[in-house]
Protein backbone atom coordinates (compact mmCIF):
# COMPACT_ATOMS: atom_id res chain seq x y z
CA MET A 1 0.00 0.00 0.00
CA ARG A 2 2.85 2.34 0.82
CA ILE A 3 4.46 1.80 -2.62
CA VAL A 4 1.19 2.61 -4.43
CA THR A 5 0.86 5.85 -2.44
CA LEU A 6 4.46 6.78 -3.23
CA ILE A 7 3.95 6.07 -6.95
CA LEU A 8 0.75 8.13 -7.01
CA LEU A 9 2.55 10.98 -5.25
CA VAL A 10 5.39 10.91 -7.80
CA VAL A 11 2.87 10.86 -10.69
CA LEU A 12 1.02 13.78 -9.11
CA ILE A 13 4.27 15.77 -8.78
CA LEU A 14 5.19 15.05 -12.40
CA LEU A 15 1.77 16.11 -13.61
CA GLN A 16 1.95 19.31 -11.57
CA PHE A 17 5.41 20.02 -12.98
CA LYS A 18 4.11 19.60 -16.52
CA LEU A 19 1.05 21.71 -15.75
CA TRP A 20 3.03 24.63 -14.34
CA LEU A 21 6.32 24.53 -16.25
CA GLY A 22 5.91 22.23 -19.23
CA GLU A 23 4.88 22.88 -22.80
CA GLY A 24 1.34 24.25 -22.88
CA GLY A 25 1.44 24.91 -19.15
CA PHE A 26 0.30 27.94 -17.21
CA ARG A 27 3.53 29.85 -17.76
CA GLU A 28 3.30 29.51 -21.55
CA VAL A 29 -0.41 30.35 -21.56
CA THR A 30 0.27 33.53 -19.56
CA ARG A 31 3.08 34.52 -21.92
CA LEU A 32 0.88 33.92 -24.97
CA GLN A 33 -1.97 35.95 -23.43
CA GLN A 34 0.42 38.86 -22.94
CA ARG A 35 1.57 38.60 -26.56
CA VAL A 36 -2.06 38.52 -27.76
CA GLU A 37 -2.88 41.63 -25.71
CA THR A 38 0.16 43.45 -27.08
CA GLN A 39 -0.83 42.52 -30.63
CA ARG A 40 -4.41 43.70 -29.99
CA GLN A 41 -3.11 47.08 -28.87
CA LYS A 42 -0.95 47.36 -31.99
CA ASN A 43 -3.92 46.38 -34.15
CA ASP A 44 -6.11 49.03 -32.50
CA GLU A 45 -3.46 51.69 -33.14
CA LEU A 46 -3.21 50.62 -36.77
CA LEU A 47 -7.00 50.65 -37.15
CA HIS A 48 -7.12 54.24 -35.86
CA ARG A 49 -4.28 55.21 -38.19
CA ASN A 50 -6.03 53.59 -41.14
CA ALA A 51 -9.26 55.40 -40.28
CA ARG A 52 -7.43 58.75 -40.19
CA LEU A 53 -5.76 58.02 -43.53
CA GLN A 54 -9.05 56.91 -45.09
CA ALA A 55 -10.73 60.11 -43.89
CA GLU A 56 -7.89 62.13 -45.39
CA VAL A 57 -8.18 60.28 -48.71
CA GLU A 58 -11.94 60.88 -48.80
CA ASP A 59 -11.38 64.53 -47.94
CA LEU A 60 -8.89 64.91 -50.78
CA ARG A 61 -11.22 63.15 -53.22
CA GLU A 62 -14.27 65.24 -52.38
CA ARG A 63 -12.93 68.70 -51.56
CA LEU A 64 -10.84 70.77 -53.94
CA ASP A 65 -9.89 73.19 -51.16
CA ALA A 66 -8.31 70.31 -49.22
CA VAL A 67 -6.09 69.54 -52.21
CA GLU A 68 -5.22 73.22 -52.52
CA GLU A 69 -4.39 73.49 -48.81
CA ARG A 70 -2.13 70.47 -49.00
CA ALA A 71 -0.35 71.81 -52.09
CA ARG A 72 0.25 75.12 -50.34
CA ASN A 73 1.48 73.67 -47.05
CA GLU A 74 3.51 70.72 -48.22
CA LEU A 75 4.71 71.81 -51.66
CA GLY A 76 4.81 75.59 -51.23
CA LEU A 77 2.67 76.20 -54.30
CA ILE A 78 0.91 79.51 -54.92
CA LYS A 79 -1.75 80.68 -57.37
CA PRO A 80 -0.64 82.61 -60.46
CA ALA A 81 -2.00 85.99 -59.22
CA GLU A 82 -0.58 85.67 -55.71
CA GLU A 83 2.69 86.94 -54.33
CA PHE A 84 4.76 84.81 -51.96
CA TYR A 85 6.40 86.33 -48.92
CA GLN A 86 8.70 84.31 -46.73
CA VAL A 87 9.57 85.59 -43.28
CA VAL A 88 12.99 84.39 -42.22
CA PRO A 89 13.96 84.67 -38.55
CA PRO A 90 17.24 86.47 -37.83
CA PRO A 91 20.26 84.19 -37.48
CA VAL A 92 21.17 83.13 -33.98
CA GLU A 93 24.54 84.50 -32.95
CA SER A 94 26.86 81.81 -31.74
CA ASN A 95 29.23 82.69 -28.93
CA GLN A 96 32.32 80.70 -29.81
CA SER A 97 34.60 82.18 -27.16
CA GLY A 98 32.39 80.94 -24.33
CA LYS A 99 31.78 84.45 -22.99
CA ALA A 100 28.28 85.76 -22.43
CA LYS A 101 27.11 88.60 -24.63
CA GLY A 102 27.79 91.94 -23.04
CA ASP A 103 30.91 90.85 -21.15
CA GLY A 104 33.52 93.49 -21.68
CA ALA A 105 36.42 91.18 -21.05
């Protein structure tokens, strides 16, 4: 009777080991669930990005002023009767000697 109990105990320990640490065990299932959740988040981000791009495509297809705005902003295009003025900020003076401006030394 004692040997049967010992054998059953060993079998139980081996089954528990396989359940917790073996292939297809709890550890692997938890890891796979985390990977699935990460992939779902990436998919959601991509769905939102695709929706924004689709809305932009539809906007460009349907509205001429959207095309014009994009041409002005991204390509710098102007209409034939317009004049283009570009405001350039003054150059930043670099202090190569390491002294602050206004130091008389």
